[in-house]
Amino acid sequence: GFRLGKVCFGEISQPDQISWLVKNLGKDS
């Protein structure tokens, strides 16, 4: 995707998107 300062816009490029979210989302995300 794209970055605008601290904000990223785009899409998960992994087939199992829920697993990606579980692995990568932090409490400040």
PDB file of all heavy atoms in Angstrom:
ATOM      1  N   GLY A   1       0.795  -1.216   0.000  1.00  0.00           N
ATOM      2  CA  GLY A   1       0.000   0.000   0.000  1.00  0.00           C
ATOM      3  C   GLY A   1       0.824   1.260   0.000  1.00  0.00           C
ATOM      4  O   GLY A   1       1.908   1.322  -0.569  1.00  0.00           O
ATOM      5  N   PHE A   2       0.304   2.272   0.679  1.00  0.00           N
ATOM      6  CA  PHE A   2       0.893   3.606   0.735  1.00  0.00           C
ATOM      7  C   PHE A   2       1.081   4.012   2.187  1.00  0.00           C
ATOM      8  O   PHE A   2       0.332   3.590   3.055  1.00  0.00           O
ATOM      9  CB  PHE A   2      -0.047   4.632   0.072  1.00  0.00           C
ATOM     10  CG  PHE A   2      -0.406   4.296  -1.339  1.00  0.00           C
ATOM     11  CD1 PHE A   2      -1.547   3.571  -1.632  1.00  0.00           C
ATOM     12  CD2 PHE A   2       0.401   4.706  -2.381  1.00  0.00           C
ATOM     13  CE1 PHE A   2      -1.898   3.267  -2.929  1.00  0.00           C
ATOM     14  CE2 PHE A   2       0.066   4.411  -3.693  1.00  0.00           C
ATOM     15  CZ  PHE A   2      -1.082   3.688  -3.967  1.00  0.00           C
ATOM     16  N   ARG A   3       2.058   4.860   2.431  1.00  0.00           N
ATOM     17  CA  ARG A   3       2.283   5.413   3.769  1.00  0.00           C
ATOM     18  C   ARG A   3       2.078   6.925   3.705  1.00  0.00           C
ATOM     19  O   ARG A   3       2.558   7.590   2.800  1.00  0.00           O
ATOM     20  CB  ARG A   3       3.695   5.093   4.240  1.00  0.00           C
ATOM     21  CG  ARG A   3       3.986   5.568   5.649  1.00  0.00           C
ATOM     22  CD  ARG A   3       5.421   5.301   6.074  1.00  0.00           C
ATOM     23  NE  ARG A   3       5.812   3.925   5.938  1.00  0.00           N
ATOM     24  CZ  ARG A   3       5.647   2.982   6.881  1.00  0.00           C
ATOM     25  NH1 ARG A   3       5.065   3.289   8.015  1.00  0.00           N
ATOM     26  NH2 ARG A   3       6.056   1.748   6.683  1.00  0.00           N
ATOM     27  N   LEU A   4       1.364   7.451   4.683  1.00  0.00           N
ATOM     28  CA  LEU A   4       1.169   8.890   4.830  1.00  0.00           C
ATOM     29  C   LEU A   4       1.471   9.196   6.297  1.00  0.00           C
ATOM     30  O   LEU A   4       0.630   9.002   7.164  1.00  0.00           O
ATOM     31  CB  LEU A   4      -0.258   9.285   4.456  1.00  0.00           C
ATOM     32  CG  LEU A   4      -0.580  10.768   4.476  1.00  0.00           C
ATOM     33  CD1 LEU A   4       0.299  11.532   3.498  1.00  0.00           C
ATOM     34  CD2 LEU A   4      -2.044  11.005   4.150  1.00  0.00           C
ATOM     35  N   GLY A   5       2.706   9.588   6.579  1.00  0.00           N
ATOM     36  CA  GLY A   5       3.139   9.759   7.961  1.00  0.00           C
ATOM     37  C   GLY A   5       3.141   8.404   8.652  1.00  0.00           C
ATOM     38  O   GLY A   5       3.744   7.456   8.172  1.00  0.00           O
ATOM     39  N   LYS A   6       2.427   8.297   9.768  1.00  0.00           N
ATOM     40  CA  LYS A   6       2.331   7.042  10.511  1.00  0.00           C
ATOM     41  C   LYS A   6       1.208   6.143   9.998  1.00  0.00           C
ATOM     42  O   LYS A   6       1.047   5.034  10.452  1.00  0.00           O
ATOM     43  CB  LYS A   6       2.058   7.320  11.987  1.00  0.00           C
ATOM     44  CG  LYS A   6       3.186   7.943  12.731  1.00  0.00           C
ATOM     45  CD  LYS A   6       2.750   8.090  14.181  1.00  0.00           C
ATOM     46  CE  LYS A   6       3.829   8.593  15.067  1.00  0.00           C
ATOM     47  NZ  LYS A   6       3.373   8.686  16.454  1.00  0.00           N
ATOM     48  N   VAL A   7       0.418   6.634   9.065  1.00  0.00           N
ATOM     49  CA  VAL A   7      -0.763   5.910   8.601  1.00  0.00           C
ATOM     50  C   VAL A   7      -0.434   5.153   7.313  1.00  0.00           C
ATOM     51  O   VAL A   7       0.167   5.711   6.396  1.00  0.00           O
ATOM     52  CB  VAL A   7      -1.939   6.884   8.352  1.00  0.00           C
ATOM     53  CG1 VAL A   7      -3.153   6.152   7.826  1.00  0.00           C
ATOM     54  CG2 VAL A   7      -2.272   7.643   9.625  1.00  0.00           C
ATOM     55  N   CYS A   8      -0.849   3.887   7.258  1.00  0.00           N
ATOM     56  CA  CYS A   8      -0.666   3.064   6.062  1.00  0.00           C
ATOM     57  C   CYS A   8      -2.027   2.734   5.473  1.00  0.00           C
ATOM     58  O   CYS A   8      -2.958   2.399   6.204  1.00  0.00           O
ATOM     59  CB  CYS A   8       0.065   1.767   6.405  1.00  0.00           C
ATOM     60  SG  CYS A   8       1.735   2.023   6.997  1.00  0.00           S
ATOM     61  N   PHE A   9      -2.133   2.849   4.158  1.00  0.00           N
ATOM     62  CA  PHE A   9      -3.343   2.516   3.426  1.00  0.00           C
ATOM     63  C   PHE A   9      -3.003   1.386   2.477  1.00  0.00           C
ATOM     64  O   PHE A   9      -1.963   1.416   1.838  1.00  0.00           O
ATOM     65  CB  PHE A   9      -3.841   3.709   2.598  1.00  0.00           C
ATOM     66  CG  PHE A   9      -4.129   4.930   3.394  1.00  0.00           C
ATOM     67  CD1 PHE A   9      -3.142   5.875   3.616  1.00  0.00           C
ATOM     68  CD2 PHE A   9      -5.383   5.137   3.914  1.00  0.00           C
ATOM     69  CE1 PHE A   9      -3.402   7.011   4.345  1.00  0.00           C
ATOM     70  CE2 PHE A   9      -5.656   6.270   4.654  1.00  0.00           C
ATOM     71  CZ  PHE A   9      -4.667   7.212   4.869  1.00  0.00           C
ATOM     72  N   GLY A  10      -3.855   0.409   2.361  1.00  0.00           N
ATOM     73  CA  GLY A  10      -3.587  -0.661   1.414  1.00  0.00           C
ATOM     74  C   GLY A  10      -4.317  -1.921   1.780  1.00  0.00           C
ATOM     75  O   GLY A  10      -5.410  -1.869   2.353  1.00  0.00           O
ATOM     76  N   GLU A  11      -3.682  -3.050   1.482  1.00  0.00           N
ATOM     77  CA  GLU A  11      -4.332  -4.321   1.774  1.00  0.00           C
ATOM     78  C   GLU A  11      -3.311  -5.376   2.153  1.00  0.00           C
ATOM     79  O   GLU A  11      -2.142  -5.311   1.778  1.00  0.00           O
ATOM     80  CB  GLU A  11      -5.173  -4.792   0.596  1.00  0.00           C
ATOM     81  CG  GLU A  11      -4.412  -5.010  -0.665  1.00  0.00           C
ATOM     82  CD  GLU A  11      -5.335  -5.386  -1.815  1.00  0.00           C
ATOM     83  OE1 GLU A  11      -6.491  -4.935  -1.869  1.00  0.00           O
ATOM     84  OE2 GLU A  11      -4.878  -6.146  -2.679  1.00  0.00           O
ATOM     85  N   ILE A  12      -3.791  -6.329   2.897  1.00  0.00           N
ATOM     86  CA  ILE A  12      -2.980  -7.462   3.319  1.00  0.00           C
ATOM     87  C   ILE A  12      -2.743  -8.331   2.095  1.00  0.00           C
ATOM     88  O   ILE A  12      -3.683  -8.696   1.400  1.00  0.00           O
ATOM     89  CB  ILE A  12      -3.694  -8.250   4.428  1.00  0.00           C
ATOM     90  CG1 ILE A  12      -3.935  -7.348   5.635  1.00  0.00           C
ATOM     91  CG2 ILE A  12      -2.889  -9.486   4.820  1.00  0.00           C
ATOM     92  CD1 ILE A  12      -4.908  -7.919   6.652  1.00  0.00           C
ATOM     93  N   SER A  13      -1.481  -8.657   1.856  1.00  0.00           N
ATOM     94  CA  SER A  13      -1.140  -9.443   0.671  1.00  0.00           C
ATOM     95  C   SER A  13      -0.868 -10.908   1.018  1.00  0.00           C
ATOM     96  O   SER A  13      -0.138 -11.586   0.316  1.00  0.00           O
ATOM     97  CB  SER A  13       0.069  -8.814  -0.037  1.00  0.00           C
ATOM     98  OG  SER A  13       1.142  -8.637   0.854  1.00  0.00           O
ATOM     99  N   GLN A  14      -1.467 -11.379   2.091  1.00  0.00           N
ATOM    100  CA  GLN A  14      -1.355 -12.774   2.528  1.00  0.00           C
ATOM    101  C   GLN A  14      -2.695 -13.459   2.308  1.00  0.00           C
ATOM    102  O   GLN A  14      -3.746 -12.838   2.470  1.00  0.00           O
ATOM    103  CB  GLN A  14      -1.016 -12.840   4.025  1.00  0.00           C
ATOM    104  CG  GLN A  14       0.265 -12.134   4.394  1.00  0.00           C
ATOM    105  CD  GLN A  14       1.479 -12.903   3.951  1.00  0.00           C
ATOM    106  OE1 GLN A  14       1.560 -14.103   4.128  1.00  0.00           O
ATOM    107  NE2 GLN A  14       2.409 -12.213   3.324  1.00  0.00           N
ATOM    108  N   PRO A  15      -2.706 -14.751   1.976  1.00  0.00           N
ATOM    109  CA  PRO A  15      -3.985 -15.433   1.763  1.00  0.00           C
ATOM    110  C   PRO A  15      -4.848 -15.512   3.025  1.00  0.00           C
ATOM    111  O   PRO A  15      -6.056 -15.345   2.955  1.00  0.00           O
ATOM    112  CB  PRO A  15      -3.605 -16.831   1.290  1.00  0.00           C
ATOM    113  CG  PRO A  15      -2.131 -16.887   1.217  1.00  0.00           C
ATOM    114  CD  PRO A  15      -1.564 -15.593   1.688  1.00  0.00           C
ATOM    115  N   ASP A  16      -4.235 -15.750   4.189  1.00  0.00           N
ATOM    116  CA  ASP A  16      -4.994 -15.830   5.443  1.00  0.00           C
ATOM    117  C   ASP A  16      -4.883 -14.489   6.164  1.00  0.00           C
ATOM    118  O   ASP A  16      -3.992 -14.269   6.981  1.00  0.00           O
ATOM    119  CB  ASP A  16      -4.472 -16.974   6.309  1.00  0.00           C
ATOM    120  CG  ASP A  16      -5.318 -17.188   7.554  1.00  0.00           C
ATOM    121  OD1 ASP A  16      -6.218 -16.361   7.832  1.00  0.00           O
ATOM    122  OD2 ASP A  16      -5.074 -18.179   8.261  1.00  0.00           O
ATOM    123  N   GLN A  17      -5.789 -13.598   5.845  1.00  0.00           N
ATOM    124  CA  GLN A  17      -5.709 -12.238   6.351  1.00  0.00           C
ATOM    125  C   GLN A  17      -5.985 -12.139   7.848  1.00  0.00           C
ATOM    126  O   GLN A  17      -5.370 -11.318   8.531  1.00  0.00           O
ATOM    127  CB  GLN A  17      -6.643 -11.348   5.545  1.00  0.00           C
ATOM    128  CG  GLN A  17      -6.179 -11.282   4.099  1.00  0.00           C
ATOM    129  CD  GLN A  17      -7.106 -10.526   3.200  1.00  0.00           C
ATOM    130  OE1 GLN A  17      -8.285 -10.364   3.474  1.00  0.00           O
ATOM    131  NE2 GLN A  17      -6.575 -10.043   2.095  1.00  0.00           N
ATOM    132  N   ILE A  18      -6.866 -12.950   8.368  1.00  0.00           N
ATOM    133  CA  ILE A  18      -7.127 -12.939   9.815  1.00  0.00           C
ATOM    134  C   ILE A  18      -5.868 -13.331  10.582  1.00  0.00           C
ATOM    135  O   ILE A  18      -5.515 -12.697  11.577  1.00  0.00           O
ATOM    136  CB  ILE A  18      -8.315 -13.846  10.186  1.00  0.00           C
ATOM    137  CG1 ILE A  18      -9.622 -13.261   9.636  1.00  0.00           C
ATOM    138  CG2 ILE A  18      -8.410 -14.042  11.693  1.00  0.00           C
ATOM    139  CD1 ILE A  18     -10.082 -11.967  10.286  1.00  0.00           C
ATOM    140  N   SER A  19      -5.151 -14.341  10.126  1.00  0.00           N
ATOM    141  CA  SER A  19      -3.900 -14.731  10.788  1.00  0.00           C
ATOM    142  C   SER A  19      -2.891 -13.593  10.745  1.00  0.00           C
ATOM    143  O   SER A  19      -2.157 -13.366  11.713  1.00  0.00           O
ATOM    144  CB  SER A  19      -3.302 -15.978  10.136  1.00  0.00           C
ATOM    145  OG  SER A  19      -4.105 -17.084  10.392  1.00  0.00           O
ATOM    146  N   TRP A  20      -2.836 -12.865   9.625  1.00  0.00           N
ATOM    147  CA  TRP A  20      -1.938 -11.718   9.525  1.00  0.00           C
ATOM    148  C   TRP A  20      -2.313 -10.669  10.565  1.00  0.00           C
ATOM    149  O   TRP A  20      -1.453 -10.107  11.243  1.00  0.00           O
ATOM    150  CB  TRP A  20      -1.983 -11.124   8.122  1.00  0.00           C
ATOM    151  CG  TRP A  20      -0.953 -10.048   7.909  1.00  0.00           C
ATOM    152  CD1 TRP A  20       0.305 -10.206   7.424  1.00  0.00           C
ATOM    153  CD2 TRP A  20      -1.098  -8.655   8.202  1.00  0.00           C
ATOM    154  NE1 TRP A  20       0.954  -8.999   7.397  1.00  0.00           N
ATOM    155  CE2 TRP A  20       0.116  -8.027   7.871  1.00  0.00           C
ATOM    156  CE3 TRP A  20      -2.123  -7.872   8.722  1.00  0.00           C
ATOM    157  CZ2 TRP A  20       0.328  -6.655   8.035  1.00  0.00           C
ATOM    158  CZ3 TRP A  20      -1.920  -6.511   8.888  1.00  0.00           C
ATOM    159  CH2 TRP A  20      -0.709  -5.919   8.538  1.00  0.00           C
ATOM    160  N   LEU A  21      -3.607 -10.387  10.701  1.00  0.00           N
ATOM    161  CA  LEU A  21      -4.062  -9.405  11.679  1.00  0.00           C
ATOM    162  C   LEU A  21      -3.699  -9.834  13.095  1.00  0.00           C
ATOM    163  O   LEU A  21      -3.213  -9.036  13.895  1.00  0.00           O
ATOM    164  CB  LEU A  21      -5.568  -9.189  11.556  1.00  0.00           C
ATOM    165  CG  LEU A  21      -6.026  -8.441  10.304  1.00  0.00           C
ATOM    166  CD1 LEU A  21      -7.533  -8.566  10.130  1.00  0.00           C
ATOM    167  CD2 LEU A  21      -5.606  -6.982  10.374  1.00  0.00           C
ATOM    168  N   VAL A  22      -3.940 -11.102  13.423  1.00  0.00           N
ATOM    169  CA  VAL A  22      -3.617 -11.624  14.760  1.00  0.00           C
ATOM    170  C   VAL A  22      -2.123 -11.441  15.043  1.00  0.00           C
ATOM    171  O   VAL A  22      -1.730 -11.023  16.128  1.00  0.00           O
ATOM    172  CB  VAL A  22      -4.028 -13.114  14.892  1.00  0.00           C
ATOM    173  CG1 VAL A  22      -3.401 -13.763  16.098  1.00  0.00           C
ATOM    174  CG2 VAL A  22      -5.545 -13.232  14.933  1.00  0.00           C
ATOM    175  N   LYS A  23      -1.302 -11.716  14.064  1.00  0.00           N
ATOM    176  CA  LYS A  23       0.152 -11.661  14.240  1.00  0.00           C
ATOM    177  C   LYS A  23       0.686 -10.225  14.286  1.00  0.00           C
ATOM    178  O   LYS A  23       1.624  -9.937  15.016  1.00  0.00           O
ATOM    179  CB  LYS A  23       0.830 -12.417  13.103  1.00  0.00           C
ATOM    180  CG  LYS A  23       2.327 -12.447  13.181  1.00  0.00           C
ATOM    181  CD  LYS A  23       2.918 -13.235  12.027  1.00  0.00           C
ATOM    182  CE  LYS A  23       4.438 -13.161  12.052  1.00  0.00           C
ATOM    183  NZ  LYS A  23       5.032 -13.763  10.874  1.00  0.00           N
ATOM    184  N   ASN A  24       0.093  -9.311  13.527  1.00  0.00           N
ATOM    185  CA  ASN A  24       0.693  -7.993  13.329  1.00  0.00           C
ATOM    186  C   ASN A  24       0.024  -6.822  14.034  1.00  0.00           C
ATOM    187  O   ASN A  24       0.647  -5.769  14.155  1.00  0.00           O
ATOM    188  CB  ASN A  24       0.771  -7.693  11.828  1.00  0.00           C
ATOM    189  CG  ASN A  24       1.781  -8.575  11.150  1.00  0.00           C
ATOM    190  OD1 ASN A  24       2.979  -8.369  11.264  1.00  0.00           O
ATOM    191  ND2 ASN A  24       1.300  -9.595  10.462  1.00  0.00           N
ATOM    192  N   LEU A  25      -1.212  -6.954  14.469  1.00  0.00           N
ATOM    193  CA  LEU A  25      -1.857  -5.808  15.121  1.00  0.00           C
ATOM    194  C   LEU A  25      -1.395  -5.693  16.568  1.00  0.00           C
ATOM    195  O   LEU A  25      -1.453  -6.642  17.322  1.00  0.00           O
ATOM    196  CB  LEU A  25      -3.382  -5.962  15.106  1.00  0.00           C
ATOM    197  CG  LEU A  25      -4.096  -5.619  13.821  1.00  0.00           C
ATOM    198  CD1 LEU A  25      -5.594  -5.769  14.013  1.00  0.00           C
ATOM    199  CD2 LEU A  25      -3.772  -4.237  13.336  1.00  0.00           C
ATOM    200  N   GLY A  26      -0.962  -4.508  16.928  1.00  0.00           N
ATOM    201  CA  GLY A  26      -0.614  -4.217  18.310  1.00  0.00           C
ATOM    202  C   GLY A  26      -1.698  -3.368  18.938  1.00  0.00           C
ATOM    203  O   GLY A  26      -2.629  -2.920  18.270  1.00  0.00           O
ATOM    204  N   LYS A  27      -1.577  -3.117  20.237  1.00  0.00           N
ATOM    205  CA  LYS A  27      -2.624  -2.337  20.917  1.00  0.00           C
ATOM    206  C   LYS A  27      -2.634  -0.875  20.470  1.00  0.00           C
ATOM    207  O   LYS A  27      -3.630  -0.194  20.611  1.00  0.00           O
ATOM    208  CB  LYS A  27      -2.492  -2.451  22.427  1.00  0.00           C
ATOM    209  CG  LYS A  27      -1.255  -1.841  23.008  1.00  0.00           C
ATOM    210  CD  LYS A  27      -1.239  -1.998  24.503  1.00  0.00           C
ATOM    211  CE  LYS A  27       0.037  -1.383  25.060  1.00  0.00           C
ATOM    212  NZ  LYS A  27       0.078  -1.459  26.496  1.00  0.00           N
ATOM    213  N   ASP A  28      -1.525  -0.404  19.886  1.00  0.00           N
ATOM    214  CA  ASP A  28      -1.484   0.963  19.379  1.00  0.00           C
ATOM    215  C   ASP A  28      -1.809   1.051  17.896  1.00  0.00           C
ATOM    216  O   ASP A  28      -1.743   2.123  17.304  1.00  0.00           O
ATOM    217  CB  ASP A  28      -0.095   1.566  19.636  1.00  0.00           C
ATOM    218  CG  ASP A  28       0.186   1.746  21.118  1.00  0.00           C
ATOM    219  OD1 ASP A  28      -0.777   1.956  21.881  1.00  0.00           O
ATOM    220  OD2 ASP A  28       1.356   1.664  21.514  1.00  0.00           O
ATOM    221  N   SER A  29      -2.144  -0.086  17.285  1.00  0.00           N
ATOM    222  CA  SER A  29      -2.525  -0.117  15.872  1.00  0.00           C
ATOM    223  C   SER A  29      -4.036   0.028  15.754  1.00  0.00           C
ATOM    224  O   SER A  29      -4.768  -0.313  16.670  1.00  0.00           O
ATOM    225  CB  SER A  29      -2.141  -1.456  15.243  1.00  0.00           C
ATOM    226  OG  SER A  29      -0.774  -1.693  15.332  1.00  0.00           O
TER     227      SER A  29
END
